[in-house]
Amino acid sequence: MANVSVTKTFGILTAGGDCPGLNAAIRGVCRPAYDRYGMRIIGIANGYRGLLENNTFLLKPENFWGILTRGGTILGSSREKPFKSRSKDTDNSLGEYKVGMIKENYRALGLDCLVVLGGNGTNTTGCLLAREGLNVVGLPKTIDNDIVGTDLSFGFSSALDIATEAIDRLHSTAQSHSRVMVIELMGHKAGWLALYAGVAGGGDIILLPELPYDINVIARHLEDRARSGKSFSIVVVAEGALSKEEALMDKKDRKRRRQEEGSPSVAYRVAREIERETGMETRATVLGYTQRGGIPSASDRVLATSLGAAAAELLARGHYGRMVCLDGSRVGSVSLDVPAEKIKTVPPDHYMIDTAVAVGTCMGI
């Protein structure tokens, strides 16, 4: 006999970029929701676009059995942002229509709550829908680990493993050819992945969006290594890293400058600057979407399952407007207002930066 639950029917969607652990989290929500509480589950295809277009289906046990180790998401995803067209700088009629259709479909489906799995944008949209009167529960997923309100997001551990292995593999090529190797990792506004992978992979230089770099400092560090007999170096750079000069520019001027230089990404810009300042042979590698693909690590399976089960408990108790989170060693929840429209960046006094510097890593400053 199923336990008593406030929530009888809920919809579930995954939005934004895919990452390892999404299917584990879906399973983590749906197994207890169905098995323990007898809830009816509506799968929503392709993120908020699916709710907008009423692209939905009844999610049955056979749909969420056996998906713990699978990469990607069985629900599909999109980057649809229904509130984006409601900004004060644009004609808001399209945005009003989209939000109105989502609310209409939510009610037509008989949903008591909407469960959203995603990053900053997904949980921000969830918060805005909650302010529109819908019941929403959020789960934090991102390889960037940049969601405010949780110590850790599922997807980060898997991406860290992949990025560290890539750095390990570059070491042998760098050493064989006595080169400087620049590897670009994801992290547009927050450098958690580059910082942790850089430390784990023994990066000689780590560049983060939070710490604008000085190419002269980088050049001196590389030259000091060469003089000490170290014939190669590894530079780990987050995709959002920028120089001190770029940090003083507004976004439009920075973009124009980069287009004029013809550098497709930060790894190539940094590699070119290093060659110009030191004369050292330098190569760039952009790891790209490889970081987001494949099966989740054991750590991400555990975290995603735990957060999913916690979300099912929120549904059962009718505790809406919350995002489940990891707080130290405790799984809990915070108001959706906490992560909404925020980015968790690396503090300049974070212990991992001190750790990197302590073992001889240059942070470009």
Protein backbone atom coordinates (compact mmCIF):
# COMPACT_ATOMS: atom_id res chain seq x y z
CA MET A 1 0.00 0.00 0.00
CA ALA A 2 1.41 3.39 -1.02
CA ASN A 3 2.21 5.99 1.62
CA VAL A 4 0.08 9.14 1.71
CA SER A 5 1.35 11.91 -0.58
CA VAL A 6 0.22 15.50 -1.03
CA THR A 7 1.34 15.36 -4.66
CA LYS A 8 -0.72 12.98 -6.79
CA THR A 9 0.57 13.88 -10.27
CA PHE A 10 3.75 15.70 -11.25
CA GLY A 11 5.59 16.52 -14.44
CA ILE A 12 9.33 16.14 -14.83
CA LEU A 13 11.69 17.73 -17.36
CA THR A 14 15.39 18.22 -18.03
CA ALA A 15 16.54 21.52 -19.51
CA GLY A 16 19.74 23.22 -20.59
CA GLY A 17 22.89 21.32 -21.50
CA ASP A 18 23.02 17.60 -20.91
CA CYS A 19 25.41 16.17 -18.34
CA PRO A 20 26.21 12.83 -16.71
CA GLY A 21 23.79 11.95 -13.91
CA LEU A 22 20.55 13.27 -15.37
CA ASN A 23 19.08 9.80 -15.87
CA ALA A 24 20.26 8.75 -12.41
CA ALA A 25 18.43 11.77 -10.98
CA ILE A 26 15.26 11.03 -12.98
CA ARG A 27 15.35 7.51 -11.57
CA GLY A 28 16.06 8.89 -8.09
CA VAL A 29 12.88 10.99 -8.23
CA CYS A 30 10.61 8.54 -10.00
CA ARG A 31 11.34 5.29 -8.16
CA PRO A 32 10.27 6.47 -4.69
CA ALA A 33 7.55 8.71 -6.14
CA TYR A 34 5.99 5.72 -7.88
CA ASP A 35 6.94 2.80 -5.62
CA ARG A 36 6.55 4.45 -2.22
CA TYR A 37 3.88 7.06 -2.84
CA GLY A 38 1.98 5.88 -5.92
CA MET A 39 2.31 9.18 -7.75
CA ARG A 40 1.40 9.57 -11.40
CA ILE A 41 4.35 10.84 -13.43
CA ILE A 42 4.18 12.87 -16.63
CA GLY A 43 7.38 12.97 -18.67
CA ILE A 44 7.93 16.25 -20.49
CA ALA A 45 10.09 16.03 -23.60
CA ASN A 46 12.81 18.53 -24.48
CA GLY A 47 12.75 20.81 -21.48
CA TYR A 48 10.46 23.81 -21.16
CA ARG A 49 9.77 23.64 -24.89
CA GLY A 50 7.97 20.35 -24.27
CA LEU A 51 5.74 21.95 -21.66
CA LEU A 52 5.14 24.89 -23.97
CA GLU A 53 4.15 22.59 -26.85
CA ASN A 54 2.45 19.98 -24.62
CA ASN A 55 4.90 17.31 -25.78
CA THR A 56 4.30 14.95 -22.89
CA PHE A 57 3.76 11.28 -22.10
CA LEU A 58 2.91 9.06 -19.15
CA LEU A 59 6.18 7.96 -17.54
CA LYS A 60 5.92 4.30 -16.56
CA PRO A 61 8.26 2.17 -14.43
CA GLU A 62 9.76 0.52 -17.50
CA ASN A 63 10.86 4.00 -18.62
CA PHE A 64 12.95 4.72 -15.54
CA TRP A 65 14.21 1.24 -14.73
CA GLY A 66 17.76 0.46 -15.82
CA ILE A 67 18.80 4.05 -16.56
CA LEU A 68 21.13 4.65 -13.59
CA THR A 69 24.31 4.32 -15.65
CA ARG A 70 23.10 5.85 -18.90
CA GLY A 71 24.48 9.16 -20.12
CA GLY A 72 22.32 11.95 -21.51
CA THR A 73 18.65 12.19 -20.59
CA ILE A 74 15.74 9.96 -21.56
CA LEU A 75 13.53 13.06 -21.57
CA GLY A 76 15.61 15.09 -24.01
CA SER A 77 16.50 18.71 -23.44
CA SER A 78 16.45 22.20 -24.95
CA ARG A 79 17.55 25.69 -24.03
CA GLU A 80 14.07 27.19 -24.30
CA LYS A 81 13.79 30.17 -21.92
CA PRO A 82 10.14 31.21 -21.88
CA PHE A 83 10.74 34.33 -19.79
CA LYS A 84 13.55 35.68 -21.93
CA SER A 85 11.18 37.53 -24.26
CA ARG A 86 9.59 39.27 -21.28
CA SER A 87 12.64 41.42 -20.58
CA LYS A 88 12.12 45.16 -20.55
CA ASP A 89 14.37 45.59 -23.58
CA THR A 90 12.27 43.55 -25.99
CA ASP A 91 8.72 43.15 -27.14
CA ASN A 92 7.27 40.98 -24.40
CA SER A 93 4.26 39.64 -26.32
CA LEU A 94 6.02 36.39 -27.29
CA GLY A 95 7.21 35.84 -23.75
CA GLU A 96 3.75 36.45 -22.34
CA TYR A 97 2.34 33.93 -24.81
CA LYS A 98 4.93 31.28 -23.91
CA VAL A 99 4.48 31.67 -20.16
CA GLY A 100 0.71 31.64 -20.61
CA MET A 101 0.85 28.41 -22.62
CA ILE A 102 3.07 26.73 -20.04
CA LYS A 103 0.64 27.64 -17.26
CA GLU A 104 -2.31 26.47 -19.36
CA ASN A 105 -0.67 23.12 -20.20
CA TYR A 106 0.43 22.62 -16.59
CA ARG A 107 -3.19 22.88 -15.49
CA ALA A 108 -4.56 20.87 -18.43
CA LEU A 109 -2.24 18.00 -17.52
CA GLY A 110 -3.58 18.06 -13.97
CA LEU A 111 -0.13 18.59 -12.47
CA ASP A 112 0.25 19.22 -8.77
CA CYS A 113 3.91 20.09 -9.26
CA LEU A 114 6.61 20.47 -11.89
CA VAL A 115 10.05 18.94 -11.23
CA VAL A 116 12.87 20.63 -13.16
CA LEU A 117 16.39 19.23 -13.51
CA GLY A 118 18.93 21.75 -14.69
CA GLY A 119 21.44 24.47 -14.03
CA ASN A 120 21.21 28.17 -13.27
CA GLY A 121 18.85 29.02 -16.12
CA THR A 122 16.57 26.05 -15.53
CA ASN A 123 16.18 26.72 -11.81
CA THR A 124 15.77 30.45 -12.44
CA THR A 125 12.92 29.68 -14.85
CA GLY A 126 11.49 27.32 -12.23
CA CYS A 127 11.60 30.12 -9.67
CA LEU A 128 9.85 32.52 -12.07
CA LEU A 129 7.14 29.93 -12.76
CA ALA A 130 6.69 29.49 -9.01
CA ARG A 131 6.14 33.24 -8.76
CA GLU A 132 3.48 32.81 -11.47
CA GLY A 133 1.61 30.43 -9.18
CA LEU A 134 2.89 27.01 -10.25
CA ASN A 135 4.29 24.46 -7.82
CA VAL A 136 7.92 23.72 -8.69
CA VAL A 137 10.74 21.59 -7.26
CA GLY A 138 14.25 21.95 -8.67
CA LEU A 139 17.35 19.75 -8.85
CA PRO A 140 20.84 21.20 -9.44
CA LYS A 141 22.79 19.75 -12.37
CA THR A 142 25.80 21.27 -14.07
CA ILE A 143 29.37 20.28 -14.81
CA ASP A 144 30.38 23.84 -13.87
CA ASN A 145 29.34 23.45 -10.20
CA ASP A 146 28.21 27.08 -10.27
CA ILE A 147 24.72 26.84 -8.75
CA VAL A 148 24.23 28.92 -5.62
CA GLY A 149 22.64 27.05 -2.73
CA THR A 150 24.32 23.67 -3.07
CA ASP A 151 27.87 22.65 -2.27
CA LEU A 152 27.95 20.28 -5.21
CA SER A 153 25.95 19.72 -8.39
CA PHE A 154 25.69 16.37 -10.10
CA GLY A 155 27.64 16.29 -13.36
CA PHE A 156 30.69 18.00 -11.88
CA SER A 157 32.38 14.85 -10.63
CA SER A 158 32.09 13.09 -13.99
CA ALA A 159 33.38 16.11 -15.90
CA LEU A 160 36.25 16.42 -13.44
CA ASP A 161 37.25 12.81 -14.11
CA ILE A 162 37.14 13.35 -17.88
CA ALA A 163 39.06 16.64 -17.75
CA THR A 164 41.73 15.19 -15.46
CA GLU A 165 42.25 12.21 -17.75
CA ALA A 166 42.63 14.58 -20.71
CA ILE A 167 45.30 16.56 -18.84
CA ASP A 168 47.08 13.33 -17.92
CA ARG A 169 47.17 12.34 -21.60
CA LEU A 170 48.50 15.73 -22.68
CA HIS A 171 51.41 15.39 -20.28
CA SER A 172 53.03 12.65 -22.38
CA THR A 173 52.72 14.61 -25.63
CA ALA A 174 53.99 17.81 -24.00
CA GLN A 175 56.97 15.99 -22.55
CA SER A 176 57.77 14.10 -25.75
CA HIS A 177 57.87 17.30 -27.83
CA SER A 178 59.08 19.76 -25.16
CA ARG A 179 56.01 21.93 -25.72
CA VAL A 180 53.67 24.10 -23.78
CA MET A 181 50.20 22.56 -23.99
CA VAL A 182 47.14 24.73 -23.34
CA ILE A 183 43.93 22.82 -22.58
CA GLU A 184 40.59 24.65 -22.48
CA LEU A 185 37.86 23.37 -20.19
CA MET A 186 34.26 24.50 -19.79
CA GLY A 187 33.45 27.24 -17.32
CA HIS A 188 32.22 30.47 -18.89
CA LYS A 189 31.73 32.48 -15.70
CA ALA A 190 32.99 30.14 -12.98
CA GLY A 191 36.28 28.27 -12.91
CA TRP A 192 35.52 25.36 -10.58
CA LEU A 193 36.17 22.68 -13.19
CA ALA A 194 39.44 24.17 -14.42
CA LEU A 195 40.65 24.73 -10.86
CA TYR A 196 39.92 21.23 -9.60
CA ALA A 197 41.04 19.48 -12.80
CA GLY A 198 44.15 21.63 -12.92
CA VAL A 199 45.11 20.61 -9.40
CA ALA A 200 44.17 16.96 -9.98
CA GLY A 201 46.11 16.82 -13.26
CA GLY A 202 49.17 18.69 -12.01
CA GLY A 203 48.66 21.74 -14.24
CA ASP A 204 51.58 24.17 -14.13
CA ILE A 205 49.36 27.18 -14.82
CA ILE A 206 45.61 27.49 -14.14
CA LEU A 207 43.60 30.42 -15.50
CA LEU A 208 40.12 31.21 -14.18
CA PRO A 209 37.41 33.74 -15.14
CA GLU A 210 37.53 35.05 -11.56
CA LEU A 211 41.24 35.96 -11.74
CA PRO A 212 42.13 38.00 -14.87
CA TYR A 213 45.60 36.91 -15.93
CA ASP A 214 48.77 38.85 -16.67
CA ILE A 215 50.59 37.32 -19.64
CA ASN A 216 53.90 38.64 -18.29
CA VAL A 217 53.42 36.63 -15.09
CA ILE A 218 52.66 33.53 -17.16
CA ALA A 219 55.70 34.08 -19.36
CA ARG A 220 58.03 34.47 -16.37
CA HIS A 221 56.70 31.28 -14.80
CA LEU A 222 57.25 29.29 -18.00
CA GLU A 223 60.74 30.72 -18.44
CA ASP A 224 61.61 29.90 -14.83
CA ARG A 225 60.48 26.32 -15.41
CA ALA A 226 62.59 26.07 -18.56
CA ARG A 227 65.68 27.42 -16.76
CA SER A 228 65.19 24.82 -14.02
CA GLY A 229 65.33 22.03 -16.59
CA LYS A 230 61.59 21.45 -17.07
CA SER A 231 61.17 21.21 -20.81
CA PHE A 232 57.37 21.24 -20.98
CA SER A 233 54.39 22.84 -19.25
CA ILE A 234 50.63 22.32 -19.01
CA VAL A 235 48.31 25.33 -18.96
CA VAL A 236 44.71 24.65 -17.86
CA VAL A 237 42.32 27.43 -18.82
CA ALA A 238 38.58 27.88 -18.25
CA GLU A 239 36.71 28.98 -21.37
CA GLY A 240 35.72 32.26 -19.68
CA ALA A 241 39.24 33.26 -18.62
CA LEU A 242 40.34 36.71 -19.71
CA SER A 243 43.38 38.93 -19.48
CA LYS A 244 43.68 41.98 -17.25
CA GLU A 245 43.34 44.17 -20.33
CA GLU A 246 40.15 42.41 -21.41
CA ALA A 247 38.73 42.67 -17.89
CA LEU A 248 38.77 46.47 -18.23
CA MET A 249 36.70 46.35 -21.44
CA ASP A 250 32.96 46.09 -21.72
CA LYS A 251 31.54 42.95 -23.29
CA LYS A 252 31.00 44.50 -26.72
CA ASP A 253 34.55 45.87 -27.03
CA ARG A 254 36.01 42.59 -25.78
CA LYS A 255 34.06 40.64 -28.38
CA ARG A 256 35.12 43.00 -31.15
CA ARG A 257 38.78 42.73 -30.16
CA ARG A 258 38.66 38.94 -30.19
CA GLN A 259 37.02 38.90 -33.61
CA GLU A 260 39.72 41.20 -34.97
CA GLU A 261 42.40 38.90 -33.58
CA GLY A 262 40.76 35.89 -35.19
CA SER A 263 41.14 33.61 -32.16
CA PRO A 264 38.24 31.12 -31.91
CA SER A 265 38.63 30.53 -28.18
CA VAL A 266 40.68 31.38 -25.14
CA ALA A 267 43.04 28.42 -25.49
CA TYR A 268 44.23 29.71 -28.87
CA ARG A 269 44.52 33.28 -27.60
CA VAL A 270 46.61 32.19 -24.63
CA ALA A 271 48.76 29.90 -26.80
CA ARG A 272 49.45 32.73 -29.22
CA GLU A 273 50.32 35.11 -26.37
CA ILE A 274 52.71 32.57 -24.84
CA GLU A 275 54.53 32.03 -28.14
CA ARG A 276 54.76 35.77 -28.68
CA GLU A 277 56.15 36.47 -25.19
CA THR A 278 58.45 33.45 -24.78
CA GLY A 279 59.12 31.97 -28.21
CA MET A 280 58.18 28.55 -26.80
CA GLU A 281 56.39 26.10 -29.08
CA THR A 282 52.79 26.06 -27.83
CA ARG A 283 49.72 24.04 -28.82
CA ALA A 284 46.07 24.44 -27.87
CA THR A 285 43.47 21.74 -27.17
CA VAL A 286 39.77 22.45 -26.61
CA LEU A 287 38.12 19.53 -24.83
CA GLY A 288 34.61 20.74 -25.66
CA TYR A 289 31.50 18.60 -25.35
CA THR A 290 33.47 15.52 -24.38
CA GLN A 291 33.30 16.87 -20.84
CA ARG A 292 29.50 16.58 -20.79
CA GLY A 293 29.09 13.17 -22.39
CA GLY A 294 29.19 9.56 -21.35
CA ILE A 295 28.20 7.61 -18.28
CA PRO A 296 28.17 9.28 -14.85
CA SER A 297 30.89 8.61 -12.31
CA ALA A 298 30.05 6.62 -9.18
CA SER A 299 30.05 9.87 -7.18
CA ASP A 300 27.54 11.48 -9.54
CA ARG A 301 25.30 8.40 -9.47
CA VAL A 302 25.19 8.55 -5.69
CA LEU A 303 24.63 12.32 -5.55
CA ALA A 304 21.99 12.35 -8.31
CA THR A 305 20.11 9.46 -6.71
CA SER A 306 20.22 11.10 -3.27
CA LEU A 307 19.01 14.46 -4.58
CA GLY A 308 16.30 12.74 -6.61
CA ALA A 309 15.03 10.82 -3.60
CA ALA A 310 15.02 14.06 -1.57
CA ALA A 311 12.94 15.71 -4.30
CA ALA A 312 10.42 12.87 -4.09
CA GLU A 313 10.10 13.54 -0.36
CA LEU A 314 9.43 17.23 -1.02
CA LEU A 315 6.70 16.20 -3.46
CA ALA A 316 5.14 13.83 -0.96
CA ARG A 317 5.04 16.50 1.73
CA GLY A 318 3.89 19.28 -0.56
CA HIS A 319 7.00 21.36 0.08
CA TYR A 320 7.09 23.28 -3.18
CA GLY A 321 9.18 26.21 -4.39
CA ARG A 322 12.37 24.43 -3.28
CA MET A 323 15.59 23.19 -4.84
CA VAL A 324 17.20 20.12 -3.30
CA CYS A 325 20.83 20.61 -2.35
CA LEU A 326 23.91 19.17 -0.72
CA ASP A 327 24.89 21.11 2.40
CA GLY A 328 28.12 19.61 3.70
CA SER A 329 27.26 15.95 4.20
CA ARG A 330 23.51 16.61 4.50
CA VAL A 331 20.96 16.49 1.70
CA GLY A 332 18.40 19.24 2.18
CA SER A 333 16.69 21.99 0.22
CA VAL A 334 16.66 25.75 -0.25
CA SER A 335 14.12 28.17 -1.64
CA LEU A 336 14.24 28.47 -5.44
CA ASP A 337 14.88 32.17 -4.83
CA VAL A 338 18.37 31.25 -3.59
CA PRO A 339 19.87 30.05 -6.92
CA ALA A 340 17.69 32.22 -9.16
CA GLU A 341 19.67 34.56 -11.42
CA LYS A 342 22.94 33.94 -9.58
CA ILE A 343 26.31 32.32 -10.34
CA LYS A 344 28.50 30.63 -7.72
CA THR A 345 31.99 31.77 -8.61
CA VAL A 346 35.31 30.71 -7.11
CA PRO A 347 36.21 33.06 -4.22
CA PRO A 348 39.75 34.46 -4.47
CA ASP A 349 40.48 33.12 -0.98
CA HIS A 350 39.18 29.60 -1.69
CA TYR A 351 41.33 26.89 -0.17
CA MET A 352 41.85 25.18 -3.53
CA ILE A 353 43.54 28.27 -4.94
CA ASP A 354 45.86 28.26 -1.91
CA THR A 355 46.47 24.56 -2.52
CA ALA A 356 47.37 25.16 -6.16
CA VAL A 357 49.79 27.97 -5.31
CA ALA A 358 51.32 25.92 -2.47
CA VAL A 359 52.38 23.17 -4.88
CA GLY A 360 53.91 25.62 -7.34
CA THR A 361 51.02 26.31 -9.72
CA CYS A 362 50.85 29.77 -11.29
CA MET A 363 47.38 31.36 -11.32
CA GLY A 364 48.42 34.04 -13.81
CA ILE A 365 48.35 36.85 -11.26
